[in-house]
Protein backbone atom coordinates (compact mmCIF):
# COMPACT_ATOMS: atom_id res chain seq x y z
CA MET A 1 0.00 0.00 0.00
CA ILE A 2 1.01 3.62 -0.06
CA ALA A 3 3.66 4.65 2.42
CA PHE A 4 2.94 8.36 2.66
CA LYS A 5 3.75 10.62 5.58
CA GLY A 6 1.49 13.47 4.61
CA LEU A 7 1.52 16.72 2.64
CA LYS A 8 3.39 19.78 3.92
CA LYS A 9 1.76 23.12 3.65
CA VAL A 10 3.62 25.98 2.08
CA LEU A 11 2.79 29.63 1.61
CA PHE A 12 0.07 29.19 -1.04
CA GLY A 13 -1.20 25.65 -0.30
CA TYR A 14 0.48 22.26 -0.39
CA SER A 15 4.08 21.62 -1.35
CA LYS A 16 4.28 20.93 -5.07
CA LYS A 17 7.00 18.35 -4.47
CA ASP A 18 4.90 16.49 -1.89
CA VAL A 19 1.81 16.56 -4.15
CA ILE A 20 3.81 15.14 -7.08
CA LYS A 21 5.32 12.50 -4.78
CA TYR A 22 1.83 11.65 -3.50
CA ILE A 23 0.46 11.40 -7.04
CA GLU A 24 3.42 9.19 -8.04
CA LEU A 25 2.76 6.93 -5.05
CA LEU A 26 -0.95 6.75 -5.98
CA ASN A 27 0.04 6.02 -9.57
CA GLU A 28 2.43 3.21 -8.46
CA ASP A 29 -0.26 1.75 -6.21
CA LEU A 30 -2.80 1.99 -9.04
CA ASN A 31 -0.34 0.37 -11.48
CA THR A 32 0.28 -2.44 -8.97
CA HIS A 33 -3.47 -3.02 -8.65
CA ILE A 34 -3.90 -2.86 -12.44
CA HIS A 35 -1.07 -5.41 -12.92
CA GLU A 36 -2.64 -7.67 -10.28
CA LYS A 37 -6.07 -7.39 -11.93
CA ASP A 38 -4.49 -8.00 -15.36
CA ARG A 39 -2.79 -11.10 -13.94
CA GLN A 40 -6.11 -12.26 -12.45
CA VAL A 41 -7.93 -11.58 -15.73
CA THR A 42 -5.23 -13.49 -17.65
CA GLU A 43 -5.50 -16.38 -15.19
CA ILE A 44 -9.31 -16.38 -15.43
CA LEU A 45 -9.11 -16.25 -19.24
CA MET A 46 -6.72 -19.21 -19.21
CA GLN A 47 -9.07 -21.10 -16.89
CA ASN A 48 -11.99 -20.12 -19.11
CA ASN A 49 -10.15 -21.36 -22.21
CA ALA A 50 -9.29 -24.62 -20.44
CA LEU A 51 -12.92 -25.01 -19.35
CA MET A 52 -14.17 -24.21 -22.87
CA LYS A 53 -11.83 -26.85 -24.31
CA ARG A 54 -13.04 -29.30 -21.68
CA LEU A 55 -16.65 -28.40 -22.50
CA GLU A 56 -15.98 -28.93 -26.21
CA GLN A 57 -14.42 -32.30 -25.43
CA LEU A 58 -17.36 -33.26 -23.21
CA ASN A 59 -19.82 -32.19 -25.91
CA LYS A 60 -17.86 -34.20 -28.46
CA ASN A 61 -17.83 -37.18 -26.08
CA GLN A 62 -21.55 -36.74 -25.50
CA ASP A 63 -22.17 -36.67 -29.25
CA GLU A 64 -20.05 -39.80 -29.67
CA ILE A 65 -21.89 -41.52 -26.82
CA VAL A 66 -25.26 -40.55 -28.29
CA HIS A 67 -24.13 -41.77 -31.71
CA THR A 68 -22.86 -45.02 -30.17
CA LEU A 69 -26.10 -45.52 -28.24
CA VAL A 70 -28.19 -44.85 -31.34
CA HIS A 71 -26.03 -47.27 -33.32
CA ALA A 72 -26.27 -49.87 -30.54
CA ARG A 73 -30.04 -49.41 -30.34
CA ASN A 74 -30.38 -49.80 -34.11
CA ALA A 75 -28.16 -52.89 -34.02
CA ALA A 76 -30.23 -54.33 -31.15
CA ASP A 77 -33.46 -53.61 -33.01
CA LYS A 78 -32.05 -55.29 -36.13
CA ILE A 79 -30.95 -58.31 -34.09
CA ILE A 80 -34.41 -58.57 -32.53
CA THR A 81 -36.11 -58.19 -35.92
CA ASP A 82 -33.82 -60.77 -37.49
CA ALA A 83 -34.35 -63.13 -34.54
CA ARG A 84 -38.12 -62.78 -34.86
CA LYS A 85 -37.96 -63.44 -38.60
CA GLN A 86 -35.74 -66.45 -37.98
CA ALA A 87 -38.08 -67.71 -35.25
CA ASP A 88 -41.07 -67.26 -37.58
CA ASN A 89 -39.25 -69.15 -40.34
CA ILE A 90 -38.29 -71.93 -37.92
CA LEU A 91 -41.88 -72.11 -36.66
CA LYS A 92 -43.22 -72.27 -40.23
CA ASP A 93 -40.69 -75.01 -41.05
CA VAL A 94 -41.63 -76.96 -37.92
CA ILE A 95 -45.35 -76.64 -38.66
CA SER A 96 -44.76 -77.68 -42.26
CA GLU A 97 -42.61 -80.62 -41.15
CA LYS A 98 -45.28 -81.61 -38.61
CA GLU A 99 -47.95 -81.56 -41.32
CA ILE A 100 -45.75 -83.66 -43.59
CA GLN A 101 -45.06 -86.13 -40.78
CA THR A 102 -48.76 -86.22 -39.87
CA GLN A 103 -49.63 -86.99 -43.49
CA GLN A 104 -46.91 -89.64 -43.61
CA TYR A 105 -48.19 -91.11 -40.33
CA GLU A 106 -51.76 -91.23 -41.65
CA GLN A 107 -50.52 -92.79 -44.89
CA CYS A 108 -48.50 -95.38 -42.96
CA LYS A 109 -51.49 -96.04 -40.73
CA GLU A 110 -53.72 -96.59 -43.79
CA GLU A 111 -51.10 -98.81 -45.40
CA PHE A 112 -50.76 -100.76 -42.14
CA GLU A 113 -54.55 -101.22 -41.96
CA LYS A 114 -54.57 -102.39 -45.59
CA PHE A 115 -51.64 -104.70 -44.87
CA LYS A 116 -53.37 -105.96 -41.73
CA LYS A 117 -56.57 -106.66 -43.70
CA ALA A 118 -54.55 -108.34 -46.45
CA VAL A 119 -52.70 -110.48 -43.89
CA THR A 120 -55.98 -111.33 -42.16
CA LYS A 121 -57.60 -112.18 -45.50
CA THR A 122 -54.56 -114.22 -46.56
CA SER A 123 -54.46 -115.95 -43.16
CA LYS A 124 -58.14 -116.85 -43.41
CA LYS A 125 -57.56 -118.08 -46.95
CA PHE A 126 -54.61 -120.21 -45.79
CA ILE A 127 -56.64 -121.51 -42.87
CA LYS A 128 -59.49 -122.43 -45.24
CA GLN A 129 -57.05 -124.09 -47.61
CA ALA A 130 -55.38 -125.85 -44.69
CA GLU A 131 -58.76 -127.04 -43.43
CA SER A 132 -59.66 -128.14 -46.95
CA ILE A 133 -56.35 -129.98 -47.26
CA LYS A 134 -56.89 -131.54 -43.83
CA ASN A 135 -60.38 -132.61 -44.79
CA ASP A 136 -59.02 -134.02 -48.04
CA CYS A 137 -56.29 -135.79 -46.09
CA ASP A 138 -58.80 -137.12 -43.56
CA GLU A 139 -60.97 -138.44 -46.38
CA ALA A 140 -57.97 -139.95 -48.10
CA TYR A 141 -56.93 -141.53 -44.84
CA LYS A 142 -60.38 -142.94 -44.27
CA ILE A 143 -60.46 -144.23 -47.79
CA ASN A 144 -57.04 -145.73 -47.33
CA GLN A 145 -58.03 -147.31 -44.06
CA GLY A 146 -61.15 -148.82 -45.49
CA ARG A 147 -59.47 -150.79 -48.20
C-alpha cells in the first residue's frame, strides 16, 4: 500500500514536491493493482479457455456416446427383428414338417390297416385251404383205411 507521511503546507497551499510524490505513489499503487487485476484476468481467461476446451471435449464425447447408443439401439433392433424373422421361419418349417409327418403317419397307418386286412384275408384263406387240405387228407386216410 502507499507509504505516505502526509503533505506539507507551504505559503500558497500544499508543497508541489509532496503533491507530485503523493500522485506518483498513488500512480504506483494503481499500477500495482492494475497489474494484479491483469494477472487475475489473464488467469481467469486461461481457466476459461481450459474449461471451454473441456466443455468442447465433453460435448464431443456426448455426441459420440449418443451416436454409439443410437447405433447400438439400431443394431439391437435389427438383431431382434432378425431373430423374430428367424423364429417365424423356424416355426413355419416346424409346422410344415409336422404336417408332412402327420400326413406320412396317416398314410403309414392306412397302409398298415390295408396290410393288416390283407394279412388277415390271406391268413383266413390259408386256414381255409389248410382245413380243406386236412379234410381231403382225412378223407384220403379214411379211404385208405377202409381198403
